[in-house]
Structures are given as structure tokens and as C-alpha cells.
N, C-alpha and C. Protein backbone atom coordinates (compact mmCIF):
# COMPACT_ATOMS: atom_id res chain seq x y z
N MET A 1 -72.72 69.03 56.95
CA MET A 1 -72.46 70.01 55.90
C MET A 1 -71.98 69.28 54.66
N ALA A 2 -72.52 69.65 53.51
CA ALA A 2 -72.11 69.08 52.22
C ALA A 2 -71.04 69.97 51.60
N TYR A 3 -70.15 69.32 50.85
CA TYR A 3 -69.03 70.02 50.22
C TYR A 3 -68.92 69.59 48.76
N TYR A 4 -68.41 70.50 47.93
CA TYR A 4 -68.16 70.14 46.54
C TYR A 4 -66.85 70.76 46.08
N THR A 5 -66.34 70.22 45.00
CA THR A 5 -65.16 70.77 44.33
C THR A 5 -65.29 70.46 42.85
N ILE A 6 -64.51 71.16 42.06
CA ILE A 6 -64.48 70.94 40.62
C ILE A 6 -63.05 70.62 40.23
N ILE A 7 -62.88 69.51 39.49
CA ILE A 7 -61.54 69.08 39.10
C ILE A 7 -61.46 68.91 37.58
N PRO A 8 -60.27 69.04 37.02
CA PRO A 8 -60.12 68.83 35.57
C PRO A 8 -60.02 67.34 35.25
N SER A 9 -60.37 66.98 34.01
CA SER A 9 -60.20 65.61 33.54
C SER A 9 -60.07 65.64 32.02
N PRO A 10 -59.65 64.54 31.42
CA PRO A 10 -59.57 64.48 29.96
C PRO A 10 -60.91 64.63 29.24
N VAL A 11 -62.03 64.45 29.96
CA VAL A 11 -63.35 64.60 29.34
C VAL A 11 -64.04 65.88 29.80
N GLY A 12 -63.29 66.81 30.35
CA GLY A 12 -63.84 68.08 30.82
C GLY A 12 -63.87 68.15 32.34
N GLU A 13 -64.36 69.27 32.83
CA GLU A 13 -64.43 69.44 34.28
C GLU A 13 -65.41 68.46 34.90
N ILE A 14 -65.06 68.02 36.11
CA ILE A 14 -65.88 67.09 36.87
C ILE A 14 -66.18 67.73 38.22
N THR A 15 -67.45 67.69 38.62
CA THR A 15 -67.86 68.18 39.92
C THR A 15 -68.03 67.01 40.87
N LEU A 16 -67.40 67.12 42.04
CA LEU A 16 -67.50 66.10 43.08
C LEU A 16 -68.30 66.65 44.24
N LEU A 17 -69.10 65.81 44.89
CA LEU A 17 -69.90 66.21 46.03
C LEU A 17 -69.74 65.20 47.15
N SER A 18 -69.54 65.71 48.36
CA SER A 18 -69.57 64.87 49.55
C SER A 18 -70.64 65.44 50.47
N ALA A 19 -71.62 64.62 50.83
CA ALA A 19 -72.71 65.08 51.69
C ALA A 19 -72.30 65.09 53.15
N ASP A 20 -71.24 64.34 53.49
CA ASP A 20 -70.83 64.23 54.89
C ASP A 20 -69.36 64.55 55.14
N GLY A 21 -68.62 64.93 54.11
CA GLY A 21 -67.20 65.24 54.27
C GLY A 21 -66.31 64.01 54.29
N VAL A 22 -66.91 62.81 54.21
CA VAL A 22 -66.15 61.57 54.31
C VAL A 22 -66.32 60.69 53.07
N SER A 23 -67.53 60.62 52.54
CA SER A 23 -67.81 59.75 51.40
C SER A 23 -68.25 60.58 50.20
N LEU A 24 -68.18 59.95 49.02
CA LEU A 24 -68.56 60.62 47.78
C LEU A 24 -70.04 60.37 47.51
N ALA A 25 -70.80 61.46 47.33
CA ALA A 25 -72.23 61.35 47.07
C ALA A 25 -72.55 61.67 45.62
N GLY A 26 -71.66 62.37 44.91
CA GLY A 26 -71.95 62.73 43.54
C GLY A 26 -70.68 62.98 42.74
N LEU A 27 -70.75 62.64 41.46
CA LEU A 27 -69.69 62.92 40.50
C LEU A 27 -70.38 63.19 39.18
N TRP A 28 -70.27 64.44 38.70
CA TRP A 28 -70.96 64.83 37.48
C TRP A 28 -69.98 65.37 36.46
N LEU A 29 -70.16 64.97 35.21
CA LEU A 29 -69.37 65.51 34.10
C LEU A 29 -69.87 66.91 33.79
N ASP A 30 -69.04 67.68 33.07
CA ASP A 30 -69.39 69.08 32.81
C ASP A 30 -70.68 69.26 32.03
N SER A 31 -71.12 68.24 31.33
CA SER A 31 -72.36 68.34 30.56
C SER A 31 -73.60 67.99 31.38
N GLN A 32 -73.40 67.60 32.64
CA GLN A 32 -74.51 67.27 33.52
C GLN A 32 -74.77 68.44 34.48
N LYS A 33 -75.92 68.41 35.13
CA LYS A 33 -76.24 69.44 36.10
C LYS A 33 -75.91 68.91 37.50
N PRO A 34 -74.81 69.40 38.08
CA PRO A 34 -74.45 68.90 39.42
C PRO A 34 -75.45 69.37 40.48
N GLU A 35 -75.66 68.52 41.45
CA GLU A 35 -76.59 68.82 42.54
C GLU A 35 -75.81 69.33 43.75
N THR A 36 -75.36 70.57 43.68
CA THR A 36 -74.51 71.14 44.73
C THR A 36 -75.19 72.24 45.53
N GLU A 37 -76.48 72.44 45.31
CA GLU A 37 -77.19 73.51 46.03
C GLU A 37 -77.05 73.31 47.54
N GLY A 38 -76.65 74.35 48.23
CA GLY A 38 -76.48 74.31 49.67
C GLY A 38 -75.14 73.76 50.12
N ALA A 39 -74.34 73.29 49.18
CA ALA A 39 -73.02 72.75 49.53
C ALA A 39 -71.97 73.87 49.52
N GLU A 40 -70.97 73.70 50.34
CA GLU A 40 -69.88 74.66 50.44
C GLU A 40 -68.71 74.17 49.59
N LYS A 41 -68.08 75.09 48.87
CA LYS A 41 -66.94 74.70 48.05
C LYS A 41 -65.75 74.39 48.96
N ALA A 42 -65.10 73.27 48.70
CA ALA A 42 -63.94 72.85 49.48
C ALA A 42 -62.85 72.40 48.51
N GLU A 43 -61.71 73.01 48.60
CA GLU A 43 -60.61 72.63 47.71
C GLU A 43 -60.04 71.26 48.06
N TYR A 44 -60.05 70.91 49.35
CA TYR A 44 -59.46 69.63 49.74
C TYR A 44 -60.31 68.91 50.78
N LEU A 45 -60.60 67.70 50.49
CA LEU A 45 -61.13 66.72 51.43
C LEU A 45 -60.45 65.42 51.06
N PRO A 46 -60.13 64.55 52.02
CA PRO A 46 -59.51 63.27 51.67
C PRO A 46 -60.28 62.50 50.59
N VAL A 47 -61.62 62.49 50.67
CA VAL A 47 -62.40 61.74 49.68
C VAL A 47 -62.26 62.37 48.30
N PHE A 48 -62.08 63.69 48.21
CA PHE A 48 -61.87 64.33 46.92
C PHE A 48 -60.50 63.96 46.36
N ALA A 49 -59.49 63.90 47.24
CA ALA A 49 -58.14 63.50 46.80
C ALA A 49 -58.15 62.04 46.34
N GLU A 50 -58.84 61.17 47.08
CA GLU A 50 -58.94 59.75 46.69
C GLU A 50 -59.64 59.61 45.34
N THR A 51 -60.69 60.40 45.13
CA THR A 51 -61.43 60.34 43.88
C THR A 51 -60.59 60.86 42.72
N GLN A 52 -59.87 61.95 42.95
CA GLN A 52 -58.98 62.49 41.91
C GLN A 52 -57.93 61.45 41.52
N ASN A 53 -57.36 60.78 42.51
CA ASN A 53 -56.37 59.73 42.24
C ASN A 53 -57.01 58.58 41.45
N TRP A 54 -58.21 58.18 41.85
CA TRP A 54 -58.93 57.11 41.16
C TRP A 54 -59.16 57.49 39.70
N LEU A 55 -59.64 58.72 39.48
CA LEU A 55 -59.91 59.19 38.11
C LEU A 55 -58.62 59.29 37.29
N ASN A 56 -57.55 59.76 37.89
CA ASN A 56 -56.26 59.83 37.17
C ASN A 56 -55.83 58.45 36.71
N ARG A 57 -55.98 57.46 37.58
CA ARG A 57 -55.63 56.09 37.23
C ARG A 57 -56.55 55.56 36.13
N TYR A 58 -57.85 55.82 36.27
CA TYR A 58 -58.82 55.37 35.27
C TYR A 58 -58.49 55.96 33.90
N PHE A 59 -58.27 57.26 33.83
CA PHE A 59 -57.99 57.91 32.55
C PHE A 59 -56.62 57.53 32.00
N ALA A 60 -55.76 56.97 32.84
CA ALA A 60 -54.46 56.47 32.39
C ALA A 60 -54.57 55.03 31.88
N GLY A 61 -55.79 54.47 31.90
CA GLY A 61 -55.99 53.12 31.37
C GLY A 61 -55.94 52.02 32.41
N GLU A 62 -55.81 52.38 33.69
CA GLU A 62 -55.86 51.37 34.74
C GLU A 62 -57.32 50.98 34.98
N LYS A 63 -57.51 50.00 35.84
CA LYS A 63 -58.85 49.49 36.10
C LYS A 63 -59.18 49.56 37.59
N PRO A 64 -59.26 50.77 38.15
CA PRO A 64 -59.58 50.86 39.57
C PRO A 64 -61.01 50.41 39.84
N LEU A 65 -61.26 49.93 41.06
CA LEU A 65 -62.57 49.42 41.44
C LEU A 65 -63.37 50.46 42.20
N PRO A 66 -64.70 50.50 42.04
CA PRO A 66 -65.52 51.47 42.77
C PRO A 66 -65.35 51.36 44.28
N GLU A 67 -65.04 50.17 44.77
CA GLU A 67 -64.91 49.95 46.21
C GLU A 67 -63.72 50.69 46.81
N GLU A 68 -62.84 51.23 45.97
CA GLU A 68 -61.67 51.93 46.47
C GLU A 68 -62.02 53.30 47.05
N ILE A 69 -63.22 53.77 46.80
CA ILE A 69 -63.67 55.08 47.28
C ILE A 69 -64.92 54.87 48.11
N PRO A 70 -65.01 55.52 49.29
CA PRO A 70 -66.25 55.40 50.06
C PRO A 70 -67.38 56.14 49.33
N LEU A 71 -68.40 55.40 48.92
CA LEU A 71 -69.51 55.96 48.15
C LEU A 71 -70.77 55.98 49.00
N LYS A 72 -71.53 57.07 48.89
CA LYS A 72 -72.79 57.17 49.62
C LYS A 72 -73.79 57.97 48.78
N PRO A 73 -74.24 57.37 47.66
CA PRO A 73 -75.21 58.09 46.83
C PRO A 73 -76.61 58.05 47.45
N ALA A 74 -77.34 59.12 47.26
CA ALA A 74 -78.72 59.17 47.74
C ALA A 74 -79.64 58.70 46.61
N GLY A 75 -80.56 57.81 46.94
CA GLY A 75 -81.51 57.32 45.96
C GLY A 75 -82.50 56.38 46.60
N THR A 76 -83.48 55.98 45.82
CA THR A 76 -84.48 55.03 46.32
C THR A 76 -83.83 53.65 46.45
N ALA A 77 -84.52 52.75 47.12
CA ALA A 77 -84.02 51.38 47.27
C ALA A 77 -83.83 50.74 45.90
N PHE A 78 -84.78 50.96 44.98
CA PHE A 78 -84.67 50.39 43.64
C PHE A 78 -83.47 50.98 42.90
N GLN A 79 -83.31 52.29 42.96
CA GLN A 79 -82.16 52.92 42.30
C GLN A 79 -80.85 52.37 42.84
N ARG A 80 -80.73 52.27 44.16
CA ARG A 80 -79.49 51.74 44.76
C ARG A 80 -79.25 50.29 44.33
N GLN A 81 -80.32 49.51 44.18
CA GLN A 81 -80.18 48.13 43.71
C GLN A 81 -79.59 48.11 42.31
N VAL A 82 -80.10 48.96 41.43
CA VAL A 82 -79.58 49.05 40.06
C VAL A 82 -78.13 49.54 40.08
N TRP A 83 -77.84 50.56 40.86
CA TRP A 83 -76.48 51.10 40.92
C TRP A 83 -75.49 50.07 41.43
N ASN A 84 -75.92 49.20 42.35
CA ASN A 84 -75.03 48.13 42.83
C ASN A 84 -74.69 47.16 41.71
N VAL A 85 -75.65 46.90 40.82
CA VAL A 85 -75.37 46.06 39.65
C VAL A 85 -74.37 46.77 38.75
N LEU A 86 -74.56 48.07 38.55
CA LEU A 86 -73.62 48.83 37.70
C LEU A 86 -72.20 48.72 38.24
N ARG A 87 -72.05 48.78 39.53
CA ARG A 87 -70.71 48.72 40.15
C ARG A 87 -69.99 47.42 39.83
N ARG A 88 -70.74 46.37 39.50
CA ARG A 88 -70.13 45.06 39.23
C ARG A 88 -69.86 44.82 37.74
N ILE A 89 -70.20 45.77 36.87
CA ILE A 89 -69.91 45.59 35.44
C ILE A 89 -68.41 45.74 35.25
N PRO A 90 -67.74 44.71 34.78
CA PRO A 90 -66.28 44.78 34.64
C PRO A 90 -65.83 45.84 33.63
N TYR A 91 -64.70 46.41 33.90
CA TYR A 91 -64.04 47.35 32.98
C TYR A 91 -63.94 46.69 31.61
N GLY A 92 -64.25 47.45 30.58
CA GLY A 92 -64.10 46.94 29.22
C GLY A 92 -65.23 46.05 28.73
N THR A 93 -66.33 45.99 29.48
CA THR A 93 -67.47 45.18 29.06
C THR A 93 -68.74 46.03 29.13
N THR A 94 -69.78 45.57 28.46
CA THR A 94 -71.07 46.26 28.51
C THR A 94 -72.17 45.26 28.83
N VAL A 95 -73.27 45.78 29.31
CA VAL A 95 -74.48 44.99 29.53
C VAL A 95 -75.66 45.81 29.03
N SER A 96 -76.77 45.16 28.81
CA SER A 96 -77.96 45.88 28.36
C SER A 96 -78.87 46.16 29.56
N TYR A 97 -79.77 47.11 29.35
CA TYR A 97 -80.76 47.42 30.38
C TYR A 97 -81.57 46.18 30.71
N GLY A 98 -81.92 45.41 29.68
CA GLY A 98 -82.69 44.19 29.87
C GLY A 98 -81.95 43.16 30.71
N GLU A 99 -80.64 43.05 30.51
CA GLU A 99 -79.85 42.10 31.31
C GLU A 99 -79.86 42.49 32.78
N ILE A 100 -79.77 43.80 33.04
CA ILE A 100 -79.82 44.26 34.43
C ILE A 100 -81.20 43.97 35.02
N ALA A 101 -82.25 44.25 34.24
CA ALA A 101 -83.62 43.99 34.70
C ALA A 101 -83.79 42.50 35.06
N GLU A 102 -83.28 41.65 34.20
CA GLU A 102 -83.38 40.21 34.46
C GLU A 102 -82.62 39.83 35.72
N GLU A 103 -81.43 40.39 35.89
CA GLU A 103 -80.60 40.06 37.06
C GLU A 103 -81.30 40.41 38.37
N ILE A 104 -82.00 41.54 38.40
CA ILE A 104 -82.63 41.96 39.65
C ILE A 104 -84.10 41.55 39.75
N GLY A 105 -84.59 40.84 38.73
CA GLY A 105 -85.97 40.37 38.77
C GLY A 105 -86.99 41.47 38.51
N CYS A 106 -86.62 42.43 37.68
CA CYS A 106 -87.51 43.53 37.32
C CYS A 106 -88.04 43.26 35.90
N ARG A 107 -89.33 43.43 35.71
CA ARG A 107 -89.91 43.16 34.40
C ARG A 107 -89.77 44.32 33.42
N SER A 108 -89.23 45.45 33.87
CA SER A 108 -89.18 46.63 33.03
C SER A 108 -87.75 47.14 32.81
N ALA A 109 -87.26 46.94 31.59
CA ALA A 109 -85.95 47.50 31.25
C ALA A 109 -86.02 49.03 31.27
N GLN A 110 -87.20 49.58 31.00
CA GLN A 110 -87.37 51.03 31.03
C GLN A 110 -87.18 51.57 32.45
N ALA A 111 -87.71 50.87 33.45
CA ALA A 111 -87.52 51.29 34.85
C ALA A 111 -86.05 51.25 35.21
N VAL A 112 -85.36 50.21 34.74
CA VAL A 112 -83.92 50.12 34.96
C VAL A 112 -83.22 51.30 34.30
N GLY A 113 -83.63 51.63 33.08
CA GLY A 113 -83.04 52.75 32.36
C GLY A 113 -83.21 54.06 33.12
N GLN A 114 -84.37 54.25 33.72
CA GLN A 114 -84.59 55.46 34.50
C GLN A 114 -83.68 55.50 35.72
N ALA A 115 -83.50 54.37 36.38
CA ALA A 115 -82.60 54.32 37.54
C ALA A 115 -81.15 54.56 37.11
N VAL A 116 -80.76 53.97 35.99
CA VAL A 116 -79.41 54.18 35.47
C VAL A 116 -79.21 55.67 35.18
N GLY A 117 -80.21 56.31 34.59
CA GLY A 117 -80.12 57.73 34.26
C GLY A 117 -80.03 58.64 35.47
N ARG A 118 -80.41 58.15 36.63
CA ARG A 118 -80.34 58.96 37.85
C ARG A 118 -79.09 58.65 38.68
N ASN A 119 -78.20 57.85 38.14
CA ASN A 119 -76.94 57.53 38.82
C ASN A 119 -76.18 58.82 39.10
N PRO A 120 -75.93 59.17 40.38
CA PRO A 120 -75.23 60.41 40.68
C PRO A 120 -73.70 60.27 40.69
N LEU A 121 -73.20 59.10 40.35
CA LEU A 121 -71.75 58.86 40.44
C LEU A 121 -71.19 58.38 39.10
N SER A 122 -71.35 59.23 38.08
CA SER A 122 -70.85 58.89 36.74
C SER A 122 -69.40 58.43 36.80
N VAL A 123 -69.03 57.61 35.88
CA VAL A 123 -67.70 57.03 35.70
C VAL A 123 -67.39 56.01 36.78
N ILE A 124 -67.44 56.39 38.05
CA ILE A 124 -67.10 55.45 39.13
C ILE A 124 -68.14 54.34 39.22
N VAL A 125 -69.42 54.70 39.18
CA VAL A 125 -70.50 53.72 39.05
C VAL A 125 -70.81 53.75 37.55
N PRO A 126 -70.25 52.79 36.81
CA PRO A 126 -70.12 52.90 35.35
C PRO A 126 -71.39 52.72 34.52
N CYS A 127 -72.26 53.71 34.59
CA CYS A 127 -73.49 53.66 33.80
C CYS A 127 -73.20 53.79 32.30
N HIS A 128 -72.00 54.26 31.96
CA HIS A 128 -71.64 54.36 30.53
C HIS A 128 -71.48 52.98 29.90
N ARG A 129 -71.38 51.94 30.71
CA ARG A 129 -71.22 50.57 30.20
C ARG A 129 -72.56 49.90 29.90
N VAL A 130 -73.66 50.62 30.06
CA VAL A 130 -74.99 50.06 29.78
C VAL A 130 -75.43 50.53 28.40
N ILE A 131 -75.83 49.55 27.58
CA ILE A 131 -76.20 49.83 26.18
C ILE A 131 -77.58 49.25 25.89
N GLY A 132 -78.11 49.60 24.74
CA GLY A 132 -79.39 49.06 24.32
C GLY A 132 -79.29 47.59 23.97
N LYS A 133 -80.42 46.92 23.92
CA LYS A 133 -80.48 45.48 23.64
C LYS A 133 -79.79 45.13 22.32
N ASN A 134 -79.92 46.03 21.33
CA ASN A 134 -79.32 45.77 20.02
C ASN A 134 -77.87 46.28 19.90
N GLY A 135 -77.29 46.65 21.04
CA GLY A 135 -75.91 47.13 21.04
C GLY A 135 -75.77 48.62 20.80
N SER A 136 -76.90 49.32 20.71
CA SER A 136 -76.85 50.77 20.43
C SER A 136 -76.43 51.54 21.68
N LEU A 137 -75.80 52.68 21.43
CA LEU A 137 -75.40 53.56 22.52
C LEU A 137 -76.59 54.44 22.86
N THR A 138 -77.44 53.94 23.72
CA THR A 138 -78.61 54.70 24.13
C THR A 138 -78.20 55.75 25.14
N GLY A 139 -79.12 56.59 25.54
CA GLY A 139 -78.89 57.74 26.39
C GLY A 139 -77.80 57.64 27.44
N TYR A 140 -77.26 58.78 27.75
CA TYR A 140 -76.26 58.91 28.80
C TYR A 140 -76.38 60.33 29.35
N ALA A 141 -76.57 60.45 30.64
CA ALA A 141 -76.80 61.77 31.24
C ALA A 141 -75.65 62.74 30.95
N GLY A 142 -74.46 62.21 30.77
CA GLY A 142 -73.30 63.06 30.46
C GLY A 142 -73.18 63.39 28.99
N GLY A 143 -74.07 62.82 28.16
CA GLY A 143 -74.03 63.04 26.72
C GLY A 143 -73.40 61.86 26.00
N LEU A 144 -73.93 61.53 24.84
CA LEU A 144 -73.42 60.38 24.09
C LEU A 144 -71.96 60.55 23.67
N ASP A 145 -71.52 61.80 23.45
CA ASP A 145 -70.11 62.02 23.09
C ASP A 145 -69.20 61.59 24.24
N LYS A 146 -69.60 61.85 25.47
CA LYS A 146 -68.80 61.45 26.64
C LYS A 146 -68.86 59.93 26.82
N LYS A 147 -70.03 59.35 26.56
CA LYS A 147 -70.17 57.89 26.67
C LYS A 147 -69.22 57.23 25.68
N ARG A 148 -69.18 57.73 24.44
CA ARG A 148 -68.27 57.18 23.44
C ARG A 148 -66.82 57.30 23.89
N GLU A 149 -66.43 58.46 24.43
CA GLU A 149 -65.06 58.66 24.90
C GLU A 149 -64.69 57.65 25.98
N LEU A 150 -65.58 57.45 26.94
CA LEU A 150 -65.31 56.51 28.03
C LEU A 150 -65.23 55.08 27.51
N LEU A 151 -66.13 54.71 26.61
CA LEU A 151 -66.10 53.35 26.05
C LEU A 151 -64.85 53.14 25.19
N LYS A 152 -64.42 54.15 24.47
CA LYS A 152 -63.18 54.05 23.68
C LYS A 152 -61.99 53.88 24.60
N LEU A 153 -61.96 54.65 25.69
CA LEU A 153 -60.89 54.54 26.67
C LEU A 153 -60.76 53.11 27.18
N GLU A 154 -61.91 52.46 27.39
CA GLU A 154 -61.93 51.09 27.91
C GLU A 154 -61.76 50.03 26.83
N GLY A 155 -61.57 50.49 25.56
CA GLY A 155 -61.35 49.54 24.48
C GLY A 155 -62.61 48.84 23.99
N ILE A 156 -63.77 49.40 24.32
CA ILE A 156 -65.03 48.78 23.90
C ILE A 156 -65.40 49.21 22.48
N LEU A 157 -65.12 50.43 22.14
CA LEU A 157 -65.43 50.94 20.78
C LEU A 157 -64.16 51.07 19.97
């Protein structure tokens, strides 16, 4: 059984999803469309409490690591490969789509961009830290205003 909850944050409401009641499968900002169809609303699960604590620390300016929360996003092998690279982008730094493509041996920065755009774990798997080759703030599923807020929080902008 899948479960979801909605929590407040400094950037608006956040929807959390656990597909198994133990690990986090999704985290969507209020400007995104959460994938909660068929899930039951649950006010408390340990993974939701752990995620809320992680987010509270993050928004307070701490640098929690994605590994602190059990994550289990659903995606293709290629998407998971890209998301694993995202998890290693240090707090307060950015990389380009092309740099990720080069790291994983993919010839298409556009394919990487599509995988980044399908990241179901916003903030924790920091897709907001990925920018265009020329340093531009290219697309963000949560909206460019949210991307700017997160990058400002991390001292990047």
C-alpha cells in the first residue's frame, strides 16, 4: 500500500509519497503534480517524520545528506543513473547537464535533462543544482522561482 502526506515548508506545501510505508518514493513542491493516485493519506509514518526533520534542517541552512533518508524512487535504469549523480552534487554547488552527461558517458545532455526533469524526489535529490552550460537557470519541474529560492538558500545566487 502506498501512502502520502502533505507538509508545510518555507517554499510552500510539499507532498511526500511512500510506496512501501518504509522508504520515500516521491517529494513534490506545491507547483508540481504529485503522483499520489491510489495512495492513502497518512499523517504519520517514520519515513515522513525523517523527511520532515531533514527538510527542517535543510531550510535552516544545514547540509543534510540524501543518504539520511531511505529513498526508493521509481524510474528507468538511465533515470536512476542520472539521479544517483544528482545525489552526489555537493550543497552550494552546481553542475551542468553536459557535465552529468560526460560523467555517465552519455552523448546527449538533452537526455540527461529529461531524466533530471523526471526526478520524483525534489530537494532531497537536488535537481535544482543543475544549470545550463552557460550558467543559465534552465527548467525546473517545481518552477524557476522555486529553483532560485533553493539556490539562494544554498548561497549559490
